[in-house]
Structure formats: structure tokens, C-alpha cells
Amino acid sequence: MPEADEQLNEGLELLEIVIGGRISTSASITVLRLDELINTMLKSGMSKEAIKGVLLADLNEGGRIFGEFRNSIKNTTGQAVTNASFEAEKFVYNEKGIESFMWVSAGNNVCPDCAARAGRVQQYNYWELAGLPRSGFSVCGANCNCRIVPESYSEEKITEIKRRKERKKELEMKFRK
């Protein structure tokens, strides 16, 4: 049990480092873009008040600079939730002694990298080395809807995973009314 707790803590610490790094990178890119934009506007003769107006409009409307920053943070937090879920699943699977995992491709638009893996069964360590879903190894990158699940998953559970994207759209339509 202590070994499993230690693995979970290591995974969460790594997740914290990754999230912090991505947020820092997003902020740095935004600062560089702001600096470049401000310098361009100053060189073109814009007043500081006019520049302030442009930047406030970009901030309020989610324009090119601040919209990109907001989207980057949104993607980072979404990826963080997914990664935390992966760490929790990994912990539970490890506790239960599950070793073999099947790649399940979900959604209607599966990239060629993921399509080649669909249905394959391997040890978890293999999938970590080859690339887990949403890890960035594939063409679909962070947009991946695939999962690795215990080989023993029922066909019903696998079908639920495959329909996850469709189900999400169905729920969005239902609750937007």
C-alpha cells in the first residue's frame, strides 16, 4: 500500500510540474506577443491611450492576444483534469493488480495513429512508453478521445467509451434548450 501511495504522489507531483510549466509557457508567450504588439503600435505612431484602448478591447473581447492566452489556459486545465484522471485510474488499476490494457478509440474521427492501436492489448508500461491517449504522441494530440482500459472491460463499457463524444453532444443539446 505505501508503494502505491508513493506512486500516486509521484504522479501528482509530476502533474503539478507539467501544469505549472504549461501555464508559465502560456504566460511567457502572451508577454512576448504583447511586447511585440505594443512596440509595433508605438513605432507606427499610436498614442499610449490608443494602445491602452486596443489592449483593453482585446482583453474584453477575447481578441488575438488575450483570447489565445485564455484558450491556452483552458486547454491546460482541461488536460490537467484528464491527466489527474489518468493518475487516479492508474492508482486504482495498480491496487487491483490489473496489468493488461486495451486501446479503445472513441469518436467518429479517429486519427491514423490511434486507429492503428485500436483493440491492441499491452501492459501499461508499454502504453506509457509508446504514448498514452492525449499525451501528444499522435496526430490528434491533446484532442484525442481514446482511452486505455483494462483488458477485462465488458463490451458494454467499451461501447460507452466509444459513444462518449456522441453522448456529450446529446447532453449539450438537451440542456441548452
N, C-alpha and C. Protein backbone atom coordinates (compact mmCIF):
# COMPACT_ATOMS: atom_id res chain seq x y z
N MET A 1 0.81 -1.20 0.00
CA MET A 1 0.00 0.00 0.00
C MET A 1 0.86 1.27 0.00
N PRO A 2 1.90 1.35 0.87
CA PRO A 2 2.74 2.55 0.85
C PRO A 2 3.39 2.78 -0.52
N GLU A 3 3.74 1.70 -1.22
CA GLU A 3 4.35 1.84 -2.54
C GLU A 3 3.36 2.47 -3.52
N ALA A 4 2.10 2.07 -3.45
CA ALA A 4 1.07 2.63 -4.33
C ALA A 4 0.85 4.10 -4.01
N ASP A 5 0.81 4.44 -2.71
CA ASP A 5 0.66 5.84 -2.31
C ASP A 5 1.82 6.67 -2.83
N GLU A 6 3.01 6.11 -2.76
CA GLU A 6 4.20 6.81 -3.24
C GLU A 6 4.12 7.04 -4.75
N GLN A 7 3.65 6.04 -5.49
CA GLN A 7 3.49 6.18 -6.93
C GLN A 7 2.45 7.25 -7.27
N LEU A 8 1.35 7.28 -6.52
CA LEU A 8 0.32 8.29 -6.75
C LEU A 8 0.87 9.68 -6.47
N ASN A 9 1.60 9.83 -5.37
CA ASN A 9 2.19 11.12 -5.04
C ASN A 9 3.19 11.58 -6.09
N GLU A 10 4.00 10.65 -6.60
CA GLU A 10 4.95 10.98 -7.66
C GLU A 10 4.22 11.43 -8.91
N GLY A 11 3.15 10.73 -9.24
CA GLY A 11 2.36 11.10 -10.42
C GLY A 11 1.74 12.47 -10.27
N LEU A 12 1.23 12.78 -9.09
CA LEU A 12 0.61 14.08 -8.86
C LEU A 12 1.65 15.20 -8.84
N GLU A 13 2.83 14.90 -8.29
CA GLU A 13 3.91 15.90 -8.31
C GLU A 13 4.35 16.19 -9.74
N LEU A 14 4.46 15.17 -10.54
CA LEU A 14 4.82 15.36 -11.94
C LEU A 14 3.74 16.16 -12.66
N LEU A 15 2.49 15.86 -12.37
CA LEU A 15 1.37 16.59 -12.96
C LEU A 15 1.45 18.08 -12.58
N GLU A 16 1.78 18.36 -11.33
CA GLU A 16 1.91 19.75 -10.88
C GLU A 16 3.02 20.47 -11.65
N ILE A 17 4.12 19.79 -11.89
CA ILE A 17 5.23 20.37 -12.64
C ILE A 17 4.81 20.66 -14.08
N VAL A 18 4.14 19.69 -14.69
CA VAL A 18 3.70 19.86 -16.08
C VAL A 18 2.72 21.01 -16.20
N ILE A 19 1.72 21.06 -15.32
CA ILE A 19 0.72 22.13 -15.36
C ILE A 19 1.39 23.49 -15.15
N GLY A 20 2.25 23.57 -14.14
CA GLY A 20 2.96 24.82 -13.87
C GLY A 20 3.79 25.27 -15.07
N GLY A 21 4.45 24.32 -15.70
CA GLY A 21 5.27 24.63 -16.87
C GLY A 21 4.44 25.14 -18.03
N ARG A 22 3.29 24.50 -18.26
CA ARG A 22 2.42 24.94 -19.37
C ARG A 22 1.84 26.32 -19.11
N ILE A 23 1.43 26.58 -17.88
CA ILE A 23 0.89 27.91 -17.55
C ILE A 23 1.98 28.96 -17.70
N SER A 24 3.18 28.65 -17.22
CA SER A 24 4.31 29.58 -17.34
C SER A 24 4.63 29.84 -18.81
N THR A 25 4.62 28.81 -19.63
CA THR A 25 4.89 28.97 -21.06
C THR A 25 3.82 29.83 -21.71
N SER A 26 2.55 29.58 -21.38
CA SER A 26 1.46 30.38 -21.95
C SER A 26 1.61 31.85 -21.57
N ALA A 27 1.94 32.11 -20.31
CA ALA A 27 2.12 33.48 -19.85
C ALA A 27 3.30 34.14 -20.56
N SER A 28 4.40 33.41 -20.71
CA SER A 28 5.58 33.96 -21.37
C SER A 28 5.30 34.30 -22.83
N ILE A 29 4.60 33.42 -23.52
CA ILE A 29 4.24 33.68 -24.92
C ILE A 29 3.35 34.90 -25.01
N THR A 30 2.40 35.02 -24.10
CA THR A 30 1.50 36.17 -24.10
C THR A 30 2.27 37.46 -23.86
N VAL A 31 3.21 37.46 -22.92
CA VAL A 31 4.02 38.65 -22.65
C VAL A 31 4.83 39.04 -23.89
N LEU A 32 5.43 38.06 -24.55
CA LEU A 32 6.21 38.35 -25.76
C LEU A 32 5.32 38.94 -26.86
N ARG A 33 4.13 38.37 -27.03
CA ARG A 33 3.22 38.88 -28.06
C ARG A 33 2.73 40.29 -27.72
N LEU A 34 2.46 40.52 -26.43
CA LEU A 34 2.06 41.87 -26.01
C LEU A 34 3.18 42.87 -26.27
N ASP A 35 4.39 42.50 -25.91
CA ASP A 35 5.54 43.38 -26.12
C ASP A 35 5.70 43.70 -27.61
N GLU A 36 5.61 42.68 -28.44
CA GLU A 36 5.74 42.87 -29.88
C GLU A 36 4.64 43.79 -30.42
N LEU A 37 3.41 43.55 -29.98
CA LEU A 37 2.28 44.36 -30.44
C LEU A 37 2.42 45.80 -29.98
N ILE A 38 2.76 46.02 -28.72
CA ILE A 38 2.93 47.37 -28.18
C ILE A 38 4.03 48.11 -28.94
N ASN A 39 5.15 47.45 -29.16
CA ASN A 39 6.26 48.09 -29.89
C ASN A 39 5.85 48.44 -31.32
N THR A 40 5.12 47.55 -31.96
CA THR A 40 4.66 47.82 -33.33
C THR A 40 3.73 49.03 -33.35
N MET A 41 2.82 49.09 -32.39
CA MET A 41 1.89 50.22 -32.34
C MET A 41 2.61 51.52 -32.01
N LEU A 42 3.59 51.47 -31.09
CA LEU A 42 4.36 52.67 -30.77
C LEU A 42 5.14 53.16 -31.99
N LYS A 43 5.76 52.24 -32.71
CA LYS A 43 6.54 52.62 -33.90
C LYS A 43 5.66 53.19 -34.99
N SER A 44 4.40 52.78 -35.02
CA SER A 44 3.50 53.31 -36.05
C SER A 44 2.91 54.66 -35.65
N GLY A 45 3.27 55.14 -34.44
CA GLY A 45 2.84 56.46 -34.01
C GLY A 45 1.60 56.49 -33.14
N MET A 46 1.10 55.35 -32.71
CA MET A 46 -0.08 55.35 -31.85
C MET A 46 0.25 55.92 -30.48
N SER A 47 -0.72 56.62 -29.90
CA SER A 47 -0.53 57.17 -28.56
C SER A 47 -0.68 56.05 -27.53
N LYS A 48 -0.16 56.31 -26.33
CA LYS A 48 -0.28 55.31 -25.27
C LYS A 48 -1.75 55.06 -24.91
N GLU A 49 -2.57 56.10 -24.97
CA GLU A 49 -4.01 55.94 -24.70
C GLU A 49 -4.67 55.05 -25.75
N ALA A 50 -4.30 55.23 -27.02
CA ALA A 50 -4.87 54.42 -28.09
C ALA A 50 -4.43 52.96 -27.93
N ILE A 51 -3.18 52.75 -27.56
CA ILE A 51 -2.66 51.39 -27.34
C ILE A 51 -3.40 50.74 -26.19
N LYS A 52 -3.59 51.52 -25.12
CA LYS A 52 -4.34 51.01 -23.98
C LYS A 52 -5.73 50.58 -24.40
N GLY A 53 -6.39 51.38 -25.24
CA GLY A 53 -7.72 51.05 -25.75
C GLY A 53 -7.73 49.75 -26.56
N VAL A 54 -6.73 49.59 -27.42
CA VAL A 54 -6.63 48.37 -28.23
C VAL A 54 -6.45 47.15 -27.33
N LEU A 55 -5.58 47.28 -26.34
CA LEU A 55 -5.32 46.15 -25.44
C LEU A 55 -6.53 45.82 -24.57
N LEU A 56 -7.22 46.84 -24.09
CA LEU A 56 -8.43 46.60 -23.28
C LEU A 56 -9.52 45.94 -24.13
N ALA A 57 -9.65 46.38 -25.38
CA ALA A 57 -10.64 45.76 -26.27
C ALA A 57 -10.28 44.30 -26.51
N ASP A 58 -9.01 44.02 -26.72
CA ASP A 58 -8.56 42.64 -26.92
C ASP A 58 -8.86 41.80 -25.68
N LEU A 59 -8.61 42.37 -24.51
CA LEU A 59 -8.87 41.67 -23.25
C LEU A 59 -10.36 41.40 -23.07
N ASN A 60 -11.18 42.42 -23.27
CA ASN A 60 -12.62 42.30 -23.06
C ASN A 60 -13.32 41.42 -24.09
N GLU A 61 -12.80 41.40 -25.32
CA GLU A 61 -13.45 40.65 -26.40
C GLU A 61 -12.79 39.30 -26.66
N GLY A 62 -11.75 39.00 -25.92
CA GLY A 62 -11.04 37.74 -26.16
C GLY A 62 -10.39 37.74 -27.52
N GLY A 63 -9.73 38.85 -27.84
CA GLY A 63 -9.10 39.02 -29.15
C GLY A 63 -7.88 38.14 -29.35
N ARG A 64 -7.09 38.54 -30.32
CA ARG A 64 -5.96 37.72 -30.76
C ARG A 64 -5.00 37.39 -29.61
N ILE A 65 -4.63 38.36 -28.81
CA ILE A 65 -3.64 38.13 -27.75
C ILE A 65 -4.25 37.44 -26.53
N PHE A 66 -5.25 38.07 -25.94
CA PHE A 66 -5.81 37.54 -24.70
C PHE A 66 -6.73 36.34 -24.95
N GLY A 67 -7.32 36.28 -26.12
CA GLY A 67 -8.14 35.10 -26.47
C GLY A 67 -7.27 33.86 -26.57
N GLU A 68 -6.11 34.03 -27.18
CA GLU A 68 -5.18 32.90 -27.29
C GLU A 68 -4.71 32.46 -25.91
N PHE A 69 -4.43 33.45 -25.05
CA PHE A 69 -4.00 33.12 -23.68
C PHE A 69 -5.10 32.37 -22.94
N ARG A 70 -6.34 32.87 -23.02
CA ARG A 70 -7.48 32.22 -22.37
C ARG A 70 -7.65 30.79 -22.88
N ASN A 71 -7.57 30.61 -24.19
CA ASN A 71 -7.71 29.27 -24.77
C ASN A 71 -6.58 28.34 -24.31
N SER A 72 -5.39 28.89 -24.21
CA SER A 72 -4.25 28.08 -23.76
C SER A 72 -4.45 27.62 -22.32
N ILE A 73 -4.92 28.54 -21.47
CA ILE A 73 -5.15 28.17 -20.06
C ILE A 73 -6.31 27.17 -19.98
N LYS A 74 -7.34 27.39 -20.78
CA LYS A 74 -8.48 26.46 -20.81
C LYS A 74 -8.02 25.07 -21.23
N ASN A 75 -7.19 24.99 -22.27
CA ASN A 75 -6.68 23.70 -22.72
C ASN A 75 -5.78 23.06 -21.67
N THR A 76 -4.98 23.86 -21.00
CA THR A 76 -4.09 23.35 -19.95
C THR A 76 -4.89 22.77 -18.80
N THR A 77 -5.92 23.49 -18.36
CA THR A 77 -6.72 22.97 -17.25
C THR A 77 -7.50 21.74 -17.66
N GLY A 78 -8.01 21.72 -18.89
CA GLY A 78 -8.71 20.53 -19.37
C GLY A 78 -7.78 19.33 -19.42
N GLN A 79 -6.58 19.55 -19.91
CA GLN A 79 -5.58 18.48 -19.95
C GLN A 79 -5.19 18.05 -18.54
N ALA A 80 -5.15 19.00 -17.62
CA ALA A 80 -4.80 18.67 -16.23
C ALA A 80 -5.84 17.75 -15.61
N VAL A 81 -7.11 18.02 -15.87
CA VAL A 81 -8.17 17.15 -15.35
C VAL A 81 -8.03 15.75 -15.93
N THR A 82 -7.77 15.68 -17.22
CA THR A 82 -7.59 14.38 -17.87
C THR A 82 -6.39 13.65 -17.28
N ASN A 83 -5.29 14.37 -17.09
CA ASN A 83 -4.09 13.74 -16.53
C ASN A 83 -4.31 13.28 -15.10
N ALA A 84 -5.03 14.08 -14.31
CA ALA A 84 -5.33 13.68 -12.94
C ALA A 84 -6.19 12.43 -12.93
N SER A 85 -7.13 12.37 -13.87
CA SER A 85 -7.98 11.18 -14.00
C SER A 85 -7.13 9.96 -14.36
N PHE A 86 -6.19 10.14 -15.29
CA PHE A 86 -5.30 9.04 -15.67
C PHE A 86 -4.50 8.55 -14.46
N GLU A 87 -3.99 9.49 -13.66
CA GLU A 87 -3.21 9.11 -12.47
C GLU A 87 -4.08 8.34 -11.47
N ALA A 88 -5.31 8.80 -11.28
CA ALA A 88 -6.21 8.11 -10.34
C ALA A 88 -6.56 6.72 -10.86
N GLU A 89 -6.85 6.62 -12.18
CA GLU A 89 -7.14 5.31 -12.77
C GLU A 89 -5.94 4.38 -12.61
N LYS A 90 -4.77 4.91 -12.92
CA LYS A 90 -3.54 4.12 -12.82
C LYS A 90 -3.36 3.59 -11.39
N PHE A 91 -3.63 4.44 -10.40
CA PHE A 91 -3.53 4.06 -9.00
C PHE A 91 -4.49 2.91 -8.69
N VAL A 92 -5.75 3.07 -9.11
CA VAL A 92 -6.77 2.05 -8.85
C VAL A 92 -6.41 0.74 -9.56
N TYR A 93 -6.00 0.84 -10.81
CA TYR A 93 -5.64 -0.37 -11.56
C TYR A 93 -4.45 -1.07 -10.92
N ASN A 94 -3.49 -0.31 -10.46
CA ASN A 94 -2.32 -0.87 -9.79
C ASN A 94 -2.73 -1.57 -8.50
N GLU A 95 -3.62 -0.93 -7.74
CA GLU A 95 -4.12 -1.52 -6.49
C GLU A 95 -4.82 -2.86 -6.75
N LYS A 96 -5.52 -2.95 -7.87
CA LYS A 96 -6.27 -4.16 -8.20
C LYS A 96 -5.42 -5.19 -8.95
N GLY A 97 -4.17 -4.84 -9.22
CA GLY A 97 -3.27 -5.78 -9.89
C GLY A 97 -3.55 -5.95 -11.38
N ILE A 98 -4.23 -4.99 -11.99
CA ILE A 98 -4.54 -5.07 -13.43
C ILE A 98 -3.29 -4.69 -14.21
N GLU A 99 -2.94 -5.54 -15.17
CA GLU A 99 -1.71 -5.33 -15.91
C GLU A 99 -1.90 -5.13 -17.41
N SER A 100 -2.93 -5.77 -17.99
CA SER A 100 -3.14 -5.70 -19.44
C SER A 100 -4.24 -4.70 -19.78
N PHE A 101 -3.94 -3.84 -20.76
CA PHE A 101 -4.86 -2.77 -21.14
C PHE A 101 -5.09 -2.75 -22.63
N MET A 102 -6.33 -2.47 -23.00
CA MET A 102 -6.70 -2.40 -24.40
C MET A 102 -6.89 -0.94 -24.81
N TRP A 103 -6.43 -0.61 -26.02
CA TRP A 103 -6.61 0.72 -26.59
C TRP A 103 -8.01 0.77 -27.20
N VAL A 104 -8.80 1.74 -26.76
CA VAL A 104 -10.15 1.92 -27.29
C VAL A 104 -10.22 3.29 -27.95
N SER A 105 -10.49 3.29 -29.25
CA SER A 105 -10.64 4.54 -29.98
C SER A 105 -12.08 5.00 -29.89
N ALA A 106 -12.26 6.28 -29.59
CA ALA A 106 -13.60 6.82 -29.41
C ALA A 106 -13.85 7.94 -30.40
N GLY A 107 -15.12 8.14 -30.71
CA GLY A 107 -15.49 9.20 -31.64
C GLY A 107 -15.52 8.71 -33.07
N ASN A 108 -15.97 9.60 -33.95
CA ASN A 108 -16.11 9.24 -35.36
C ASN A 108 -14.90 9.61 -36.20
N ASN A 109 -14.05 10.46 -35.67
CA ASN A 109 -12.91 10.95 -36.44
C ASN A 109 -11.62 10.54 -35.75
N VAL A 110 -11.25 9.30 -35.88
CA VAL A 110 -10.06 8.76 -35.21
C VAL A 110 -8.85 8.96 -36.11
N CYS A 111 -7.77 9.51 -35.55
CA CYS A 111 -6.56 9.74 -36.35
C CYS A 111 -5.90 8.41 -36.72
N PRO A 112 -5.06 8.42 -37.74
CA PRO A 112 -4.41 7.16 -38.18
C PRO A 112 -3.53 6.52 -37.11
N ASP A 113 -2.89 7.34 -36.28
CA ASP A 113 -2.04 6.79 -35.21
C ASP A 113 -2.88 5.97 -34.24
N CYS A 114 -4.03 6.54 -33.82
CA CYS A 114 -4.89 5.85 -32.86
C CYS A 114 -5.63 4.68 -33.50
N ALA A 115 -6.01 4.84 -34.76
CA ALA A 115 -6.71 3.76 -35.46
C ALA A 115 -5.84 2.50 -35.51
N ALA A 116 -4.55 2.69 -35.67
CA ALA A 116 -3.62 1.55 -35.73
C ALA A 116 -3.51 0.84 -34.39
N ARG A 117 -3.84 1.51 -33.31
CA ARG A 117 -3.74 0.94 -31.97
C ARG A 117 -5.05 0.33 -31.47
N ALA A 118 -6.14 0.70 -32.10
CA ALA A 118 -7.47 0.28 -31.64
C ALA A 118 -7.55 -1.23 -31.46
N GLY A 119 -7.97 -1.64 -30.26
CA GLY A 119 -8.15 -3.06 -29.96
C GLY A 119 -6.89 -3.77 -29.50
N ARG A 120 -5.73 -3.13 -29.61
CA ARG A 120 -4.48 -3.78 -29.18
C ARG A 120 -4.42 -3.85 -27.66
N VAL A 121 -3.87 -4.94 -27.16
CA VAL A 121 -3.73 -5.16 -25.72
C VAL A 121 -2.24 -5.22 -25.39
N GLN A 122 -1.85 -4.41 -24.39
CA GLN A 122 -0.45 -4.37 -23.95
C GLN A 122 -0.41 -4.08 -22.46
N GLN A 123 0.77 -4.24 -21.88
CA GLN A 123 0.99 -3.87 -20.49
C GLN A 123 0.95 -2.34 -20.39
N TYR A 124 0.60 -1.81 -19.21
CA TYR A 124 0.52 -0.36 -19.03
C TYR A 124 1.85 0.32 -19.35
N ASN A 125 2.95 -0.29 -18.90
CA ASN A 125 4.27 0.30 -19.16
C ASN A 125 4.53 0.47 -20.65
N TYR A 126 4.06 -0.48 -21.45
CA TYR A 126 4.22 -0.36 -22.90
C TYR A 126 3.49 0.89 -23.40
N TRP A 127 2.24 1.07 -22.96
CA TRP A 127 1.46 2.24 -23.42
C TRP A 127 2.10 3.54 -22.96
N GLU A 128 2.68 3.54 -21.76
CA GLU A 128 3.37 4.75 -21.29
C GLU A 128 4.54 5.10 -22.21
N LEU A 129 5.30 4.09 -22.59
CA LEU A 129 6.46 4.32 -23.45
C LEU A 129 6.05 4.66 -24.89
N ALA A 130 5.03 3.97 -25.40
CA ALA A 130 4.59 4.18 -26.78
C ALA A 130 3.78 5.47 -26.92
N GLY A 131 3.13 5.89 -25.84
CA GLY A 131 2.32 7.10 -25.86
C GLY A 131 0.89 6.81 -25.44
N LEU A 132 0.48 7.43 -24.37
CA LEU A 132 -0.88 7.30 -23.87
C LEU A 132 -1.81 8.22 -24.65
N PRO A 133 -3.12 7.96 -24.60
CA PRO A 133 -4.06 8.89 -25.23
C PRO A 133 -3.87 10.31 -24.68
N ARG A 134 -3.96 11.29 -25.54
CA ARG A 134 -3.85 12.72 -25.21
C ARG A 134 -2.45 13.12 -24.73
N SER A 135 -1.47 12.24 -24.92
CA SER A 135 -0.12 12.56 -24.44
C SER A 135 0.67 13.39 -25.45
N GLY A 136 0.15 13.52 -26.67
CA GLY A 136 0.84 14.29 -27.69
C GLY A 136 1.61 13.44 -28.69
N PHE A 137 1.60 12.12 -28.52
CA PHE A 137 2.36 11.25 -29.43
C PHE A 137 1.72 11.20 -30.82
N SER A 138 0.42 11.43 -30.89
CA SER A 138 -0.34 11.17 -32.12
C SER A 138 -0.69 12.44 -32.87
N VAL A 139 -1.22 12.24 -34.07
CA VAL A 139 -1.68 13.34 -34.90
C VAL A 139 -2.74 14.15 -34.16
N CYS A 140 -3.61 13.48 -33.45
CA CYS A 140 -4.71 14.18 -32.76
C CYS A 140 -4.25 14.89 -31.49
N GLY A 141 -3.08 14.55 -30.97
CA GLY A 141 -2.51 15.25 -29.82
C GLY A 141 -3.44 15.30 -28.62
N ALA A 142 -3.61 16.51 -28.07
CA ALA A 142 -4.44 16.69 -26.88
C ALA A 142 -5.93 16.55 -27.18
N ASN A 143 -6.30 16.46 -28.45
CA ASN A 143 -7.71 16.31 -28.82
C ASN A 143 -8.14 14.85 -28.86
N CYS A 144 -7.27 13.96 -28.50
CA CYS A 144 -7.55 12.53 -28.54
C CYS A 144 -8.72 12.16 -27.63
N ASN A 145 -9.60 11.32 -28.13
CA ASN A 145 -10.74 10.83 -27.34
C ASN A 145 -10.57 9.37 -26.94
N CYS A 146 -9.43 8.80 -27.25
CA CYS A 146 -9.19 7.39 -26.96
C CYS A 146 -8.90 7.18 -25.48
N ARG A 147 -8.98 5.91 -25.09
CA ARG A 147 -8.66 5.52 -23.70
C ARG A 147 -7.97 4.17 -23.73
N ILE A 148 -7.19 3.92 -22.71
CA ILE A 148 -6.74 2.54 -22.49
C ILE A 148 -7.54 2.06 -21.29
N VAL A 149 -8.07 0.87 -21.42
CA VAL A 149 -8.93 0.31 -20.38
C VAL A 149 -8.45 -1.10 -20.06
N PRO A 150 -8.78 -1.59 -18.88
CA PRO A 150 -8.40 -2.97 -18.57
C PRO A 150 -8.93 -3.92 -19.64
N GLU A 151 -8.11 -4.89 -19.98
CA GLU A 151 -8.48 -5.87 -20.99
C GLU A 151 -9.80 -6.55 -20.65
N SER A 152 -10.10 -6.65 -19.37
CA SER A 152 -11.30 -7.35 -18.91
C SER A 152 -12.58 -6.51 -19.02
N TYR A 153 -12.49 -5.27 -19.50
CA TYR A 153 -13.69 -4.44 -19.63
C TYR A 153 -14.74 -5.15 -20.48
N SER A 154 -15.98 -4.99 -20.08
CA SER A 154 -17.08 -5.60 -20.84
C SER A 154 -17.31 -4.82 -22.13
N GLU A 155 -17.93 -5.47 -23.08
CA GLU A 155 -18.25 -4.83 -24.36
C GLU A 155 -19.16 -3.63 -24.13
N GLU A 156 -20.03 -3.72 -23.12
CA GLU A 156 -20.94 -2.62 -22.80
C GLU A 156 -20.16 -1.37 -22.36
N LYS A 157 -19.17 -1.54 -21.51
CA LYS A 157 -18.35 -0.41 -21.06
C LYS A 157 -17.54 0.17 -22.21
N ILE A 158 -17.04 -0.69 -23.06
CA ILE A 158 -16.26 -0.23 -24.22
C ILE A 158 -17.15 0.56 -25.16
N THR A 159 -18.38 0.11 -25.36
CA THR A 159 -19.33 0.84 -26.20
C THR A 159 -19.62 2.22 -25.61
N GLU A 160 -19.74 2.31 -24.29
CA GLU A 160 -19.95 3.60 -23.63
C GLU A 160 -18.80 4.55 -23.93
N ILE A 161 -17.59 4.06 -23.90
CA ILE A 161 -16.42 4.89 -24.19
C ILE A 161 -16.46 5.35 -25.64
N LYS A 162 -16.77 4.43 -26.54
CA LYS A 162 -16.81 4.77 -27.96
C LYS A 162 -17.88 5.82 -28.25
N ARG A 163 -18.95 5.82 -27.48
CA ARG A 163 -20.04 6.78 -27.68
C ARG A 163 -19.88 8.04 -26.85
N ARG A 164 -18.81 8.18 -26.11
CA ARG A 164 -18.64 9.30 -25.18
C ARG A 164 -18.80 10.65 -25.86
N LYS A 165 -18.16 10.83 -27.01
CA LYS A 165 -18.23 12.11 -27.71
C LYS A 165 -19.66 12.37 -28.19
N GLU A 166 -20.31 11.35 -28.73
CA GLU A 166 -21.70 11.50 -29.18
C GLU A 166 -22.60 11.81 -28.00
N ARG A 167 -22.39 11.14 -26.89
CA ARG A 167 -23.20 11.35 -25.69
C ARG A 167 -23.03 12.76 -25.16
N LYS A 168 -21.82 13.27 -25.21
CA LYS A 168 -21.56 14.63 -24.76
C LYS A 168 -22.37 15.62 -25.60
N LYS A 169 -22.39 15.43 -26.90
CA LYS A 169 -23.17 16.30 -27.79
C LYS A 169 -24.65 16.19 -27.48
N GLU A 170 -25.13 14.96 -27.25
CA GLU A 170 -26.54 14.76 -26.92
C GLU A 170 -26.92 15.52 -25.65
N LEU A 171 -26.07 15.44 -24.63
CA LEU A 171 -26.34 16.13 -23.37
C LEU A 171 -26.29 17.65 -23.54
N GLU A 172 -25.35 18.13 -24.34
CA GLU A 172 -25.27 19.57 -24.58
C GLU A 172 -26.55 20.06 -25.26
N MET A 173 -27.02 19.33 -26.24
CA MET A 173 -28.26 19.71 -26.93
C MET A 173 -29.45 19.68 -25.96
N LYS A 174 -29.50 18.69 -25.13
CA LYS A 174 -30.62 18.54 -24.20
C LYS A 174 -30.67 19.69 -23.21
N PHE A 175 -29.53 20.09 -22.68
CA PHE A 175 -29.50 21.09 -21.62
C PHE A 175 -29.38 22.52 -22.12
N ARG A 176 -29.16 22.71 -23.41
CA ARG A 176 -29.12 24.06 -23.97
C ARG A 176 -30.52 24.60 -24.26
N LYS A 177 -31.49 23.73 -24.31
CA LYS A 177 -32.86 24.13 -24.64
C LYS A 177 -33.48 24.95 -23.57
